[in-house]
PDB file of N, CA and C in Angstrom:
ATOM      1  N   MET A   1     110.319  84.684 123.278  1.00  0.00           N
ATOM      2  CA  MET A   1     111.768  84.851 123.337  1.00  0.00           C
ATOM      3  C   MET A   1     112.401  84.675 121.950  1.00  0.00           C
ATOM      4  N   THR A   2     111.941  83.677 121.221  1.00  0.00           N
ATOM      5  CA  THR A   2     112.481  83.417 119.897  1.00  0.00           C
ATOM      6  C   THR A   2     112.260  84.619 118.987  1.00  0.00           C
ATOM      7  N   LYS A   3     111.095  85.224 119.092  1.00  0.00           N
ATOM      8  CA  LYS A   3     110.766  86.379 118.274  1.00  0.00           C
ATOM      9  C   LYS A   3     111.682  87.556 118.610  1.00  0.00           C
ATOM     10  N   LEU A   4     112.011  87.736 119.875  1.00  0.00           N
ATOM     11  CA  LEU A   4     112.897  88.817 120.295  1.00  0.00           C
ATOM     12  C   LEU A   4     114.308  88.649 119.743  1.00  0.00           C
ATOM     13  N   VAL A   5     114.754  87.422 119.632  1.00  0.00           N
ATOM     14  CA  VAL A   5     116.078  87.142 119.078  1.00  0.00           C
ATOM     15  C   VAL A   5     116.062  87.332 117.562  1.00  0.00           C
ATOM     16  N   TYR A   6     114.976  86.893 116.945  1.00  0.00           N
ATOM     17  CA  TYR A   6     114.902  86.907 115.485  1.00  0.00           C
ATOM     18  C   TYR A   6     114.760  88.312 114.906  1.00  0.00           C
ATOM     19  N   LYS A   7     113.990  89.179 115.553  1.00  0.00           N
ATOM     20  CA  LYS A   7     113.716  90.509 115.002  1.00  0.00           C
ATOM     21  C   LYS A   7     114.983  91.313 114.706  1.00  0.00           C
ATOM     22  N   PRO A   8     115.874  91.520 115.684  1.00  0.00           N
ATOM     23  CA  PRO A   8     117.067  92.319 115.378  1.00  0.00           C
ATOM     24  C   PRO A   8     117.992  91.635 114.370  1.00  0.00           C
ATOM     25  N   LEU A   9     118.114  90.326 114.457  1.00  0.00           N
ATOM     26  CA  LEU A   9     118.941  89.605 113.491  1.00  0.00           C
ATOM     27  C   LEU A   9     118.340  89.693 112.094  1.00  0.00           C
ATOM     28  N   GLY A  10     117.022  89.618 112.022  1.00  0.00           N
ATOM     29  CA  GLY A  10     116.333  89.724 110.743  1.00  0.00           C
ATOM     30  C   GLY A  10     116.504  91.099 110.116  1.00  0.00           C
ATOM     31  N   MET A  11     116.522  92.131 110.942  1.00  0.00           N
ATOM     32  CA  MET A  11     116.707  93.492 110.426  1.00  0.00           C
ATOM     33  C   MET A  11     118.110  93.672 109.852  1.00  0.00           C
ATOM     34  N   VAL A  12     119.094  93.182 110.554  1.00  0.00           N
ATOM     35  CA  VAL A  12     120.482  93.279 110.068  1.00  0.00           C
ATOM     36  C   VAL A  12     120.647  92.447 108.799  1.00  0.00           C
ATOM     37  N   ALA A  13     120.112  91.239 108.817  1.00  0.00           N
ATOM     38  CA  ALA A  13     120.206  90.373 107.644  1.00  0.00           C
ATOM     39  C   ALA A  13     119.478  90.998 106.456  1.00  0.00           C
ATOM     40  N   GLY A  14     118.352  91.638 106.709  1.00  0.00           N
ATOM     41  CA  GLY A  14     117.603  92.285 105.639  1.00  0.00           C
ATOM     42  C   GLY A  14     118.386  93.428 105.004  1.00  0.00           C
ATOM     43  N   ALA A  15     119.064  94.208 105.828  1.00  0.00           N
ATOM     44  CA  ALA A  15     119.877  95.308 105.300  1.00  0.00           C
ATOM     45  C   ALA A  15     121.030  94.772 104.454  1.00  0.00           C
ATOM     46  N   LEU A  16     121.686  93.741 104.944  1.00  0.00           N
ATOM     47  CA  LEU A  16     122.779  93.133 104.182  1.00  0.00           C
ATOM     48  C   LEU A  16     122.271  92.490 102.896  1.00  0.00           C
ATOM     49  N   ALA A  17     121.076  91.912 102.972  1.00  0.00           N
ATOM     50  CA  ALA A  17     120.479  91.302 101.783  1.00  0.00           C
ATOM     51  C   ALA A  17     120.181  92.370 100.731  1.00  0.00           C
ATOM     52  N   GLY A  18     119.727  93.534 101.164  1.00  0.00           N
ATOM     53  CA  GLY A  18     119.463  94.621 100.236  1.00  0.00           C
ATOM     54  C   GLY A  18     120.723  95.069  99.512  1.00  0.00           C
ATOM     55  N   ILE A  19     121.809  95.155 100.249  1.00  0.00           N
ATOM     56  CA  ILE A  19     123.100  95.521  99.648  1.00  0.00           C
ATOM     57  C   ILE A  19     123.539  94.444  98.659  1.00  0.00           C
ATOM     58  N   ALA A  20     123.428  93.194  99.067  1.00  0.00           N
ATOM     59  CA  ALA A  20     123.824  92.084  98.190  1.00  0.00           C
ATOM     60  C   ALA A  20     122.957  92.047  96.935  1.00  0.00           C
ATOM     61  N   ALA A  21     121.656  92.279  97.083  1.00  0.00           N
ATOM     62  CA  ALA A  21     120.757  92.270  95.930  1.00  0.00           C
ATOM     63  C   ALA A  21     121.112  93.384  94.958  1.00  0.00           C
ATOM     64  N   GLY A  22     121.512  94.537  95.476  1.00  0.00           N
ATOM     65  CA  GLY A  22     121.933  95.636  94.616  1.00  0.00           C
ATOM     66  C   GLY A  22     123.165  95.282  93.803  1.00  0.00           C
ATOM     67  N   VAL A  23     124.102  94.616  94.441  1.00  0.00           N
ATOM     68  CA  VAL A  23     125.323  94.191  93.749  1.00  0.00           C
ATOM     69  C   VAL A  23     124.980  93.150  92.671  1.00  0.00           C
ATOM     70  N   VAL A  24     124.121  92.203  93.023  1.00  0.00           N
ATOM     71  CA  VAL A  24     123.721  91.176  92.058  1.00  0.00           C
ATOM     72  C   VAL A  24     123.016  91.820  90.867  1.00  0.00           C
ATOM     73  N   PHE A  25     122.124  92.766  91.133  1.00  0.00           N
ATOM     74  CA  PHE A  25     121.407  93.429  90.037  1.00  0.00           C
ATOM     75  C   PHE A  25     122.380  94.144  89.104  1.00  0.00           C
ATOM     76  N   LYS A  26     123.348  94.830  89.656  1.00  0.00           N
ATOM     77  CA  LYS A  26     124.327  95.523  88.808  1.00  0.00           C
ATOM     78  C   LYS A  26     125.081  94.539  87.917  1.00  0.00           C
ATOM     79  N   GLN A  27     125.437  93.391  88.465  1.00  0.00           N
ATOM     80  CA  GLN A  27     126.139  92.376  87.678  1.00  0.00           C
ATOM     81  C   GLN A  27     125.235  91.798  86.591  1.00  0.00           C
ATOM     82  N   VAL A  28     123.996  91.517  86.944  1.00  0.00           N
ATOM     83  CA  VAL A  28     123.047  90.978  85.968  1.00  0.00           C
ATOM     84  C   VAL A  28     122.810  91.999  84.857  1.00  0.00           C
ATOM     85  N   TRP A  29     122.663  93.262  85.224  1.00  0.00           N
ATOM     86  CA  TRP A  29     122.434  94.293  84.214  1.00  0.00           C
ATOM     87  C   TRP A  29     123.638  94.415  83.273  1.00  0.00           C
ATOM     88  N   ARG A  30     124.833  94.294  83.819  1.00  0.00           N
ATOM     89  CA  ARG A  30     126.030  94.331  82.968  1.00  0.00           C
ATOM     90  C   ARG A  30     125.997  93.210  81.937  1.00  0.00           C
ATOM     91  N   LEU A  31     125.560  92.032  82.349  1.00  0.00           N
ATOM     92  CA  LEU A  31     125.480  90.897  81.426  1.00  0.00           C
ATOM     93  C   LEU A  31     124.389  91.091  80.371  1.00  0.00           C
ATOM     94  N   ILE A  32     123.249  91.606  80.806  1.00  0.00           N
ATOM     95  CA  ILE A  32     122.116  91.769  79.899  1.00  0.00           C
ATOM     96  C   ILE A  32     122.341  92.916  78.915  1.00  0.00           C
ATOM     97  N   ALA A  33     122.729  94.071  79.428  1.00  0.00           N
ATOM     98  CA  ALA A  33     122.782  95.278  78.602  1.00  0.00           C
ATOM     99  C   ALA A  33     124.189  95.643  78.141  1.00  0.00           C
ATOM    100  N   ASP A  34     125.177  94.948  78.651  1.00  0.00           N
ATOM    101  CA  ASP A  34     126.570  95.258  78.325  1.00  0.00           C
ATOM    102  C   ASP A  34     126.896  96.720  78.642  1.00  0.00           C
ATOM    103  N   GLU A  35     126.387  97.184  79.795  1.00  0.00           N
ATOM    104  CA  GLU A  35     126.617  98.544  80.276  1.00  0.00           C
ATOM    105  C   GLU A  35     126.995  98.482  81.746  1.00  0.00           C
ATOM    106  N   ASP A  36     127.811  99.447  82.171  1.00  0.00           N
ATOM    107  CA  ASP A  36     128.190  99.500  83.582  1.00  0.00           C
ATOM    108  C   ASP A  36     127.129 100.184  84.441  1.00  0.00           C
ATOM    109  N   ASP A  37     126.409 101.138  83.862  1.00  0.00           N
ATOM    110  CA  ASP A  37     125.413 101.886  84.627  1.00  0.00           C
ATOM    111  C   ASP A  37     124.034 101.254  84.506  1.00  0.00           C
ATOM    112  N   THR A  38     123.363 101.134  85.636  1.00  0.00           N
ATOM    113  CA  THR A  38     121.989 100.648  85.623  1.00  0.00           C
ATOM    114  C   THR A  38     121.062 101.823  85.329  1.00  0.00           C
ATOM    115  N   PRO A  39     119.931 101.555  84.686  1.00  0.00           N
ATOM    116  CA  PRO A  39     119.025 102.644  84.338  1.00  0.00           C
ATOM    117  C   PRO A  39     118.386 103.288  85.562  1.00  0.00           C
ATOM    118  N   ASN A  40     118.215 104.585  85.477  1.00  0.00           N
ATOM    119  CA  ASN A  40     117.504 105.342  86.491  1.00  0.00           C
ATOM    120  C   ASN A  40     116.193 105.790  85.847  1.00  0.00           C
ATOM    121  N   ALA A  41     115.110 105.700  86.574  1.00  0.00           N
ATOM    122  CA  ALA A  41     113.794 106.015  86.008  1.00  0.00           C
ATOM    123  C   ALA A  41     113.706 107.439  85.469  1.00  0.00           C
ATOM    124  N   THR A  42     114.505 108.332  85.980  1.00  0.00           N
ATOM    125  CA  THR A  42     114.448 109.726  85.524  1.00  0.00           C
ATOM    126  C   THR A  42     115.513 110.050  84.484  1.00  0.00           C
ATOM    127  N   ASP A  43     116.206 109.035  84.007  1.00  0.00           N
ATOM    128  CA  ASP A  43     117.238 109.250  82.985  1.00  0.00           C
ATOM    129  C   ASP A  43     116.562 109.514  81.640  1.00  0.00           C
ATOM    130  N   GLU A  44     116.758 110.686  81.131  1.00  0.00           N
ATOM    131  CA  GLU A  44     116.105 111.116  79.897  1.00  0.00           C
ATOM    132  C   GLU A  44     116.525 110.282  78.683  1.00  0.00           C
ATOM    133  N   ASP A  45     117.723 109.722  78.724  1.00  0.00           N
ATOM    134  CA  ASP A  45     118.252 108.981  77.583  1.00  0.00           C
ATOM    135  C   ASP A  45     117.807 107.523  77.532  1.00  0.00           C
ATOM    136  N   ARG A  46     117.048 107.082  78.515  1.00  0.00           N
ATOM    137  CA  ARG A  46     116.576 105.682  78.553  1.00  0.00           C
ATOM    138  C   ARG A  46     115.142 105.603  78.052  1.00  0.00           C
ATOM    139  N   THR A  47     114.812 104.494  77.421  1.00  0.00           N
ATOM    140  CA  THR A  47     113.444 104.301  76.935  1.00  0.00           C
ATOM    141  C   THR A  47     112.566 103.752  78.057  1.00  0.00           C
ATOM    142  N   TRP A  48     111.248 103.881  77.858  1.00  0.00           N
ATOM    143  CA  TRP A  48     110.312 103.313  78.823  1.00  0.00           C
ATOM    144  C   TRP A  48     110.534 101.810  78.964  1.00  0.00           C
ATOM    145  N   THR A  49     110.712 101.150  77.851  1.00  0.00           N
ATOM    146  CA  THR A  49     110.905  99.698  77.870  1.00  0.00           C
ATOM    147  C   THR A  49     112.126  99.319  78.692  1.00  0.00           C
ATOM    148  N   GLU A  50     113.223 100.009  78.472  1.00  0.00           N
ATOM    149  CA  GLU A  50     114.461  99.710  79.197  1.00  0.00           C
ATOM    150  C   GLU A  50     114.286  99.943  80.695  1.00  0.00           C
ATOM    151  N   ILE A  51     113.632 101.044  81.060  1.00  0.00           N
ATOM    152  CA  ILE A  51     113.403 101.353  82.476  1.00  0.00           C
ATOM    153  C   ILE A  51     112.528 100.294  83.135  1.00  0.00           C
ATOM    154  N   LEU A  52     111.453  99.918  82.457  1.00  0.00           N
ATOM    155  CA  LEU A  52     110.527  98.949  83.051  1.00  0.00           C
ATOM    156  C   LEU A  52     111.118  97.546  83.132  1.00  0.00           C
ATOM    157  N   ILE A  53     111.885  97.160  82.145  1.00  0.00           N
ATOM    158  CA  ILE A  53     112.555  95.853  82.203  1.00  0.00           C
ATOM    159  C   ILE A  53     113.571  95.836  83.343  1.00  0.00           C
ATOM    160  N   ALA A  54     114.339  96.895  83.463  1.00  0.00           N
ATOM    161  CA  ALA A  54     115.320  96.969  84.549  1.00  0.00           C
ATOM    162  C   ALA A  54     114.630  96.922  85.909  1.00  0.00           C
ATOM    163  N   ALA A  55     113.515  97.624  86.038  1.00  0.00           N
ATOM    164  CA  ALA A  55     112.782  97.630  87.311  1.00  0.00           C
ATOM    165  C   ALA A  55     112.237  96.240  87.641  1.00  0.00           C
ATOM    166  N   ALA A  56     111.739  95.548  86.634  1.00  0.00           N
ATOM    167  CA  ALA A  56     111.211  94.198  86.853  1.00  0.00           C
ATOM    168  C   ALA A  56     112.320  93.230  87.279  1.00  0.00           C
ATOM    169  N   ILE A  57     113.447  93.316  86.622  1.00  0.00           N
ATOM    170  CA  ILE A  57     114.581  92.449  86.979  1.00  0.00           C
ATOM    171  C   ILE A  57     115.064  92.769  88.386  1.00  0.00           C
ATOM    172  N   GLN A  58     115.199  94.061  88.676  1.00  0.00           N
ATOM    173  CA  GLN A  58     115.659  94.464  90.001  1.00  0.00           C
ATOM    174  C   GLN A  58     114.685  93.997  91.082  1.00  0.00           C
ATOM    175  N   GLY A  59     113.390  94.164  90.832  1.00  0.00           N
ATOM    176  CA  GLY A  59     112.385  93.730  91.810  1.00  0.00           C
ATOM    177  C   GLY A  59     112.425  92.230  92.048  1.00  0.00           C
ATOM    178  N   ALA A  60     112.589  91.475  90.980  1.00  0.00           N
ATOM    179  CA  ALA A  60     112.658  90.016  91.114  1.00  0.00           C
ATOM    180  C   ALA A  60     113.883  89.593  91.920  1.00  0.00           C
ATOM    181  N   ILE A  61     115.012  90.223  91.627  1.00  0.00           N
ATOM    182  CA  ILE A  61     116.243  89.884  92.359  1.00  0.00           C
ATOM    183  C   ILE A  61     116.096  90.218  93.835  1.00  0.00           C
ATOM    184  N   PHE A  62     115.567  91.408  94.144  1.00  0.00           N
ATOM    185  CA  PHE A  62     115.382  91.786  95.541  1.00  0.00           C
ATOM    186  C   PHE A  62     114.432  90.843  96.257  1.00  0.00           C
ATOM    187  N   ALA A  63     113.342  90.460  95.596  1.00  0.00           N
ATOM    188  CA  ALA A  63     112.370  89.558  96.226  1.00  0.00           C
ATOM    189  C   ALA A  63     112.965  88.181  96.494  1.00  0.00           C
ATOM    190  N   ILE A  64     113.730  87.663  95.547  1.00  0.00           N
ATOM    191  CA  ILE A  64     114.354  86.347  95.716  1.00  0.00           C
ATOM    192  C   ILE A  64     115.375  86.374  96.842  1.00  0.00           C
ATOM    193  N   VAL A  65     116.218  87.402  96.855  1.00  0.00           N
ATOM    194  CA  VAL A  65     117.242  87.504  97.901  1.00  0.00           C
ATOM    195  C   VAL A  65     116.582  87.671  99.262  1.00  0.00           C
ATOM    196  N   LYS A  66     115.553  88.519  99.358  1.00  0.00           N
ATOM    197  CA  LYS A  66     114.871  88.733 100.632  1.00  0.00           C
ATOM    198  C   LYS A  66     114.227  87.444 101.136  1.00  0.00           C
ATOM    199  N   ALA A  67     113.541  86.731 100.246  1.00  0.00           N
ATOM    200  CA  ALA A  67     112.899  85.477 100.648  1.00  0.00           C
ATOM    201  C   ALA A  67     113.933  84.455 101.114  1.00  0.00           C
ATOM    202  N   ALA A  68     115.049  84.372 100.399  1.00  0.00           N
ATOM    203  CA  ALA A  68     116.094  83.417 100.780  1.00  0.00           C
ATOM    204  C   ALA A  68     116.694  83.773 102.141  1.00  0.00           C
ATOM    205  N   VAL A  69     116.946  85.047 102.371  1.00  0.00           N
ATOM    206  CA  VAL A  69     117.528  85.478 103.653  1.00  0.00           C
ATOM    207  C   VAL A  69     116.528  85.283 104.786  1.00  0.00           C
ATOM    208  N   ASP A  70     115.260  85.656 104.565  1.00  0.00           N
ATOM    209  CA  ASP A  70     114.237  85.468 105.604  1.00  0.00           C
ATOM    210  C   ASP A  70     114.071  83.994 105.956  1.00  0.00           C
ATOM    211  N   ARG A  71     113.999  83.166 104.925  1.00  0.00           N
ATOM    212  CA  ARG A  71     113.813  81.731 105.174  1.00  0.00           C
ATOM    213  C   ARG A  71     115.039  81.125 105.862  1.00  0.00           C
ATOM    214  N   GLY A  72     116.219  81.517 105.383  1.00  0.00           N
ATOM    215  CA  GLY A  72     117.450  81.025 106.005  1.00  0.00           C
ATOM    216  C   GLY A  72     117.575  81.455 107.454  1.00  0.00           C
ATOM    217  N   GLY A  73     117.201  82.693 107.728  1.00  0.00           N
ATOM    218  CA  GLY A  73     117.259  83.187 109.109  1.00  0.00           C
ATOM    219  C   GLY A  73     116.296  82.442 110.012  1.00  0.00           C
ATOM    220  N   ALA A  74     115.082  82.241 109.530  1.00  0.00           N
ATOM    221  CA  ALA A  74     114.092  81.519 110.338  1.00  0.00           C
ATOM    222  C   ALA A  74     114.528  80.080 110.572  1.00  0.00           C
ATOM    223  N   THR A  75     115.086  79.457 109.555  1.00  0.00           N
ATOM    224  CA  THR A  75     115.580  78.086 109.703  1.00  0.00           C
ATOM    225  C   THR A  75     116.732  78.024 110.697  1.00  0.00           C
ATOM    226  N   GLY A  76     117.624  78.994 110.619  1.00  0.00           N
ATOM    227  CA  GLY A  76     118.745  79.050 111.558  1.00  0.00           C
ATOM    228  C   GLY A  76     118.293  79.237 112.997  1.00  0.00           C
ATOM    229  N   ILE A  77     117.314  80.115 113.205  1.00  0.00           N
ATOM    230  CA  ILE A  77     116.780  80.331 114.556  1.00  0.00           C
ATOM    231  C   ILE A  77     116.130  79.056 115.080  1.00  0.00           C
ATOM    232  N   LYS A  78     115.412  78.354 114.201  1.00  0.00           N
ATOM    233  CA  LYS A  78     114.790  77.102 114.640  1.00  0.00           C
ATOM    234  C   LYS A  78     115.850  76.074 115.042  1.00  0.00           C
ATOM    235  N   GLN A  79     116.934  76.015 114.291  1.00  0.00           N
ATOM    236  CA  GLN A  79     118.004  75.076 114.636  1.00  0.00           C
ATOM    237  C   GLN A  79     118.651  75.444 115.969  1.00  0.00           C
ATOM    238  N   LEU A  80     118.769  76.742 116.233  1.00  0.00           N
ATOM    239  CA  LEU A  80     119.384  77.192 117.482  1.00  0.00           C
ATOM    240  C   LEU A  80     118.462  77.028 118.699  1.00  0.00           C
ATOM    241  N   THR A  81     117.172  77.367 118.496  1.00  0.00           N
ATOM    242  CA  THR A  81     116.257  77.404 119.642  1.00  0.00           C
ATOM    243  C   THR A  81     115.267  76.249 119.681  1.00  0.00           C
ATOM    244  N   GLY A  82     115.074  75.575 118.543  1.00  0.00           N
ATOM    245  CA  GLY A  82     114.082  74.516 118.469  1.00  0.00           C
ATOM    246  C   GLY A  82     112.680  75.018 118.172  1.00  0.00           C
ATOM    247  N   LYS A  83     112.545  76.360 117.997  1.00  0.00           N
ATOM    248  CA  LYS A  83     111.228  76.940 117.717  1.00  0.00           C
ATOM    249  C   LYS A  83     111.316  77.828 116.492  1.00  0.00           C
ATOM    250  N   TRP A  84     110.249  77.750 115.697  1.00  0.00           N
ATOM    251  CA  TRP A  84     110.150  78.598 114.507  1.00  0.00           C
ATOM    252  C   TRP A  84     109.757  80.014 114.952  1.00  0.00           C
ATOM    253  N   PRO A  85     110.476  81.029 114.476  1.00  0.00           N
ATOM    254  CA  PRO A  85     110.113  82.398 114.870  1.00  0.00           C
ATOM    255  C   PRO A  85     108.818  82.818 114.177  1.00  0.00           C
ATOM    256  N   ALA A  86     107.828  83.146 114.962  1.00  0.00           N
ATOM    257  CA  ALA A  86     106.538  83.518 114.377  1.00  0.00           C
ATOM    258  C   ALA A  86     106.208  84.970 114.596  1.00  0.00           C
TER     259      ALA A  86
END
C-alpha cells in the first residue's frame, strides 16, 4: 500500500524537481559565466570546455535535487504511514 501511494507522488515530485533544477542551473550559470543563456551542446559558438563544464554542473545540480526530493518524499511517506516506501 505504501508503495502505491509513493509512486504517483514520487512521479509528480520528480517532475517538479526537474523544473526546479533547471531554474537553479540557469541561475548558477548566470553567476559563473555572467551570461543569461546556458550553453547548448550544438551551439557552434561555444567551446568544448564550456559545453562540458556546463553539462557537468547541470548534471550535478539535477542529481542533488533529485536525491533530495526522493529522500524527502520517502521520509514524508514514512512519517505519514509509519513504513518506508520500498
